[in-house]
């Protein structure tokens, strides 16, 4: 049972299911710069590059 709670799939694979606002918040948290005009695909690209 403890292995199940240890398995956390909130890694980069969930970026696609996040909203643009959530992605920007994550970029802010990681202090990764982005343009306010960046689209979702670009935001995901930046986050994946930070891994």
PDB file of N, CA and C in Angstrom:
ATOM      1  N   UNK A   1       0.803  -1.202   0.000  1.00  0.00           N
ATOM      2  CA  UNK A   1       0.000   0.000   0.000  1.00  0.00           C
ATOM      3  C   UNK A   1       0.847   1.268   0.000  1.00  0.00           C
ATOM      4  N   UNK A   2       1.916   1.269   0.757  1.00  0.00           N
ATOM      5  CA  UNK A   2       2.734   2.468   0.823  1.00  0.00           C
ATOM      6  C   UNK A   2       3.361   2.784  -0.540  1.00  0.00           C
ATOM      7  N   UNK A   3       3.622   1.767  -1.341  1.00  0.00           N
ATOM      8  CA  UNK A   3       4.171   2.006  -2.676  1.00  0.00           C
ATOM      9  C   UNK A   3       3.176   2.778  -3.527  1.00  0.00           C
ATOM     10  N   UNK A   4       1.918   2.527  -3.333  1.00  0.00           N
ATOM     11  CA  UNK A   4       0.901   3.224  -4.103  1.00  0.00           C
ATOM     12  C   UNK A   4       0.893   4.718  -3.769  1.00  0.00           C
ATOM     13  N   UNK A   5       0.988   5.069  -2.486  1.00  0.00           N
ATOM     14  CA  UNK A   5       0.991   6.472  -2.109  1.00  0.00           C
ATOM     15  C   UNK A   5       2.316   7.145  -2.479  1.00  0.00           C
ATOM     16  N   UNK A   6       3.369   6.354  -2.605  1.00  0.00           N
ATOM     17  CA  UNK A   6       4.673   6.892  -2.985  1.00  0.00           C
ATOM     18  C   UNK A   6       4.706   7.242  -4.463  1.00  0.00           C
ATOM     19  N   UNK A   7       3.947   6.527  -5.271  1.00  0.00           N
ATOM     20  CA  UNK A   7       3.926   6.746  -6.714  1.00  0.00           C
ATOM     21  C   UNK A   7       3.174   8.033  -7.022  1.00  0.00           C
ATOM     22  N   UNK A   8       3.929   9.087  -7.309  1.00  0.00           N
ATOM     23  CA  UNK A   8       3.324  10.384  -7.583  1.00  0.00           C
ATOM     24  C   UNK A   8       3.552  10.724  -9.046  1.00  0.00           C
ATOM     25  N   UNK A   9       2.497  10.728  -9.822  1.00  0.00           N
ATOM     26  CA  UNK A   9       2.612  10.973 -11.256  1.00  0.00           C
ATOM     27  C   UNK A   9       2.432  12.442 -11.616  1.00  0.00           C
ATOM     28  N   UNK A  10       2.677  13.349 -10.685  1.00  0.00           N
ATOM     29  CA  UNK A  10       2.516  14.762 -10.987  1.00  0.00           C
ATOM     30  C   UNK A  10       3.789  15.340 -11.593  1.00  0.00           C
ATOM     31  N   UNK A  11       4.541  14.544 -12.267  1.00  0.00           N
ATOM     32  CA  UNK A  11       5.767  14.952 -12.936  1.00  0.00           C
ATOM     33  C   UNK A  11       5.432  15.624 -14.265  1.00  0.00           C
ATOM     34  N   UNK A  12       6.426  15.879 -15.092  1.00  0.00           N
ATOM     35  CA  UNK A  12       6.193  16.594 -16.350  1.00  0.00           C
ATOM     36  C   UNK A  12       5.133  15.996 -17.256  1.00  0.00           C
ATOM     37  N   UNK A  13       4.808  14.732 -17.086  1.00  0.00           N
ATOM     38  CA  UNK A  13       3.812  14.111 -17.954  1.00  0.00           C
ATOM     39  C   UNK A  13       2.437  14.747 -17.802  1.00  0.00           C
ATOM     40  N   UNK A  14       2.191  15.471 -16.720  1.00  0.00           N
ATOM     41  CA  UNK A  14       0.882  16.087 -16.514  1.00  0.00           C
ATOM     42  C   UNK A  14       0.808  17.511 -17.033  1.00  0.00           C
ATOM     43  N   UNK A  15       1.892  18.032 -17.601  1.00  0.00           N
ATOM     44  CA  UNK A  15       1.873  19.403 -18.097  1.00  0.00           C
ATOM     45  C   UNK A  15       0.756  19.615 -19.122  1.00  0.00           C
ATOM     46  N   UNK A  16       0.490  18.631 -19.942  1.00  0.00           N
ATOM     47  CA  UNK A  16      -0.545  18.772 -20.970  1.00  0.00           C
ATOM     48  C   UNK A  16      -1.929  19.009 -20.371  1.00  0.00           C
ATOM     49  N   UNK A  17      -2.150  18.484 -19.182  1.00  0.00           N
ATOM     50  CA  UNK A  17      -3.467  18.645 -18.567  1.00  0.00           C
ATOM     51  C   UNK A  17      -3.592  19.930 -17.753  1.00  0.00           C
ATOM     52  N   UNK A  18      -2.489  20.672 -17.626  1.00  0.00           N
ATOM     53  CA  UNK A  18      -2.508  21.924 -16.879  1.00  0.00           C
ATOM     54  C   UNK A  18      -2.984  23.073 -17.755  1.00  0.00           C
ATOM     55  N   UNK A  19      -3.583  24.079 -17.116  1.00  0.00           N
ATOM     56  CA  UNK A  19      -3.987  25.277 -17.849  1.00  0.00           C
ATOM     57  C   UNK A  19      -2.778  26.175 -18.052  1.00  0.00           C
ATOM     58  N   UNK A  20      -2.920  27.148 -18.929  1.00  0.00           N
ATOM     59  CA  UNK A  20      -1.838  28.098 -19.177  1.00  0.00           C
ATOM     60  C   UNK A  20      -1.491  28.835 -17.882  1.00  0.00           C
ATOM     61  N   UNK A  21      -2.490  29.215 -17.111  1.00  0.00           N
ATOM     62  CA  UNK A  21      -2.241  29.904 -15.846  1.00  0.00           C
ATOM     63  C   UNK A  21      -1.460  29.027 -14.875  1.00  0.00           C
ATOM     64  N   UNK A  22      -1.789  27.752 -14.824  1.00  0.00           N
ATOM     65  CA  UNK A  22      -1.060  26.820 -13.959  1.00  0.00           C
ATOM     66  C   UNK A  22       0.378  26.650 -14.430  1.00  0.00           C
ATOM     67  N   UNK A  23       0.564  26.557 -15.736  1.00  0.00           N
ATOM     68  CA  UNK A  23       1.908  26.421 -16.292  1.00  0.00           C
ATOM     69  C   UNK A  23       2.751  27.651 -15.964  1.00  0.00           C
ATOM     70  N   UNK A  24       2.164  28.828 -16.107  1.00  0.00           N
ATOM     71  CA  UNK A  24       2.884  30.063 -15.800  1.00  0.00           C
ATOM     72  C   UNK A  24       3.210  30.139 -14.315  1.00  0.00           C
ATOM     73  N   UNK A  25       2.306  29.689 -13.475  1.00  0.00           N
ATOM     74  CA  UNK A  25       2.566  29.682 -12.034  1.00  0.00           C
ATOM     75  C   UNK A  25       3.733  28.758 -11.705  1.00  0.00           C
ATOM     76  N   UNK A  26       3.798  27.617 -12.378  1.00  0.00           N
ATOM     77  CA  UNK A  26       4.894  26.675 -12.159  1.00  0.00           C
ATOM     78  C   UNK A  26       6.212  27.275 -12.656  1.00  0.00           C
ATOM     79  N   UNK A  27       6.180  27.944 -13.790  1.00  0.00           N
ATOM     80  CA  UNK A  27       7.380  28.609 -14.298  1.00  0.00           C
ATOM     81  C   UNK A  27       7.839  29.695 -13.327  1.00  0.00           C
ATOM     82  N   UNK A  28       6.893  30.447 -12.788  1.00  0.00           N
ATOM     83  CA  UNK A  28       7.227  31.470 -11.796  1.00  0.00           C
ATOM     84  C   UNK A  28       7.861  30.836 -10.564  1.00  0.00           C
ATOM     85  N   UNK A  29       7.287  29.732 -10.111  1.00  0.00           N
ATOM     86  CA  UNK A  29       7.796  29.046  -8.925  1.00  0.00           C
ATOM     87  C   UNK A  29       9.239  28.583  -9.144  1.00  0.00           C
ATOM     88  N   UNK A  30       9.520  28.114 -10.361  1.00  0.00           N
ATOM     89  CA  UNK A  30      10.862  27.632 -10.702  1.00  0.00           C
ATOM     90  C   UNK A  30      11.791  28.757 -11.169  1.00  0.00           C
ATOM     91  N   UNK A  31      11.239  29.978 -11.197  1.00  0.00           N
ATOM     92  CA  UNK A  31      11.992  31.158 -11.639  1.00  0.00           C
ATOM     93  C   UNK A  31      12.533  31.009 -13.058  1.00  0.00           C
ATOM     94  N   UNK A  32      11.681  30.475 -13.932  1.00  0.00           N
ATOM     95  CA  UNK A  32      12.024  30.316 -15.342  1.00  0.00           C
ATOM     96  C   UNK A  32      11.332  31.439 -16.109  1.00  0.00           C
ATOM     97  N   UNK A  33      12.093  32.268 -16.816  1.00  0.00           N
ATOM     98  CA  UNK A  33      11.476  33.374 -17.561  1.00  0.00           C
ATOM     99  C   UNK A  33      10.700  32.884 -18.788  1.00  0.00           C
ATOM    100  N   UNK A  34       9.638  33.613 -19.097  1.00  0.00           N
ATOM    101  CA  UNK A  34       8.818  33.320 -20.277  1.00  0.00           C
ATOM    102  C   UNK A  34       8.165  34.616 -20.717  1.00  0.00           C
ATOM    103  N   UNK A  35       7.760  34.659 -21.976  1.00  0.00           N
ATOM    104  CA  UNK A  35       7.060  35.828 -22.498  1.00  0.00           C
ATOM    105  C   UNK A  35       5.574  35.704 -22.188  1.00  0.00           C
ATOM    106  N   UNK A  36       4.940  36.806 -21.888  1.00  0.00           N
ATOM    107  CA  UNK A  36       3.512  36.761 -21.564  1.00  0.00           C
ATOM    108  C   UNK A  36       2.692  36.270 -22.755  1.00  0.00           C
ATOM    109  N   UNK A  37       3.261  36.390 -23.951  1.00  0.00           N
ATOM    110  CA  UNK A  37       2.549  35.951 -25.153  1.00  0.00           C
ATOM    111  C   UNK A  37       2.819  34.487 -25.504  1.00  0.00           C
ATOM    112  N   UNK A  38       3.693  33.809 -24.736  1.00  0.00           N
ATOM    113  CA  UNK A  38       4.004  32.406 -25.020  1.00  0.00           C
ATOM    114  C   UNK A  38       2.749  31.547 -24.947  1.00  0.00           C
ATOM    115  N   UNK A  39       2.642  30.650 -25.895  1.00  0.00           N
ATOM    116  CA  UNK A  39       1.503  29.723 -25.925  1.00  0.00           C
ATOM    117  C   UNK A  39       1.797  28.504 -25.073  1.00  0.00           C
ATOM    118  N   UNK A  40       0.767  27.718 -24.851  1.00  0.00           N
ATOM    119  CA  UNK A  40       0.860  26.559 -23.969  1.00  0.00           C
ATOM    120  C   UNK A  40       1.995  25.620 -24.367  1.00  0.00           C
ATOM    121  N   UNK A  41       2.137  25.327 -25.641  1.00  0.00           N
ATOM    122  CA  UNK A  41       3.186  24.409 -26.095  1.00  0.00           C
ATOM    123  C   UNK A  41       4.567  24.931 -25.715  1.00  0.00           C
ATOM    124  N   UNK A  42       4.780  26.235 -25.841  1.00  0.00           N
ATOM    125  CA  UNK A  42       6.071  26.822 -25.489  1.00  0.00           C
ATOM    126  C   UNK A  42       6.315  26.762 -23.976  1.00  0.00           C
ATOM    127  N   UNK A  43       5.279  26.995 -23.182  1.00  0.00           N
ATOM    128  CA  UNK A  43       5.406  26.926 -21.738  1.00  0.00           C
ATOM    129  C   UNK A  43       5.786  25.518 -21.293  1.00  0.00           C
ATOM    130  N   UNK A  44       5.158  24.529 -21.913  1.00  0.00           N
ATOM    131  CA  UNK A  44       5.469  23.130 -21.606  1.00  0.00           C
ATOM    132  C   UNK A  44       6.906  22.823 -21.991  1.00  0.00           C
ATOM    133  N   UNK A  45       7.316  23.325 -23.145  1.00  0.00           N
ATOM    134  CA  UNK A  45       8.689  23.127 -23.612  1.00  0.00           C
ATOM    135  C   UNK A  45       9.695  23.686 -22.591  1.00  0.00           C
ATOM    136  N   UNK A  46       9.408  24.859 -22.065  1.00  0.00           N
ATOM    137  CA  UNK A  46      10.290  25.464 -21.065  1.00  0.00           C
ATOM    138  C   UNK A  46      10.343  24.628 -19.791  1.00  0.00           C
ATOM    139  N   UNK A  47       9.201  24.147 -19.363  1.00  0.00           N
ATOM    140  CA  UNK A  47       9.154  23.317 -18.152  1.00  0.00           C
ATOM    141  C   UNK A  47       9.885  22.006 -18.340  1.00  0.00           C
ATOM    142  N   UNK A  48       9.712  21.386 -19.474  1.00  0.00           N
ATOM    143  CA  UNK A  48      10.386  20.120 -19.729  1.00  0.00           C
ATOM    144  C   UNK A  48      11.886  20.316 -19.820  1.00  0.00           C
ATOM    145  N   UNK A  49      12.318  21.452 -20.294  1.00  0.00           N
ATOM    146  CA  UNK A  49      13.740  21.752 -20.366  1.00  0.00           C
ATOM    147  C   UNK A  49      14.354  21.966 -18.995  1.00  0.00           C
ATOM    148  N   UNK A  50      13.521  22.290 -18.019  1.00  0.00           N
ATOM    149  CA  UNK A  50      14.009  22.548 -16.668  1.00  0.00           C
ATOM    150  C   UNK A  50      14.197  21.256 -15.870  1.00  0.00           C
ATOM    151  N   UNK A  51      13.672  20.144 -16.376  1.00  0.00           N
ATOM    152  CA  UNK A  51      13.741  18.870 -15.633  1.00  0.00           C
ATOM    153  C   UNK A  51      15.124  18.319 -15.578  1.00  0.00           C
TER     154      UNK A  51
END
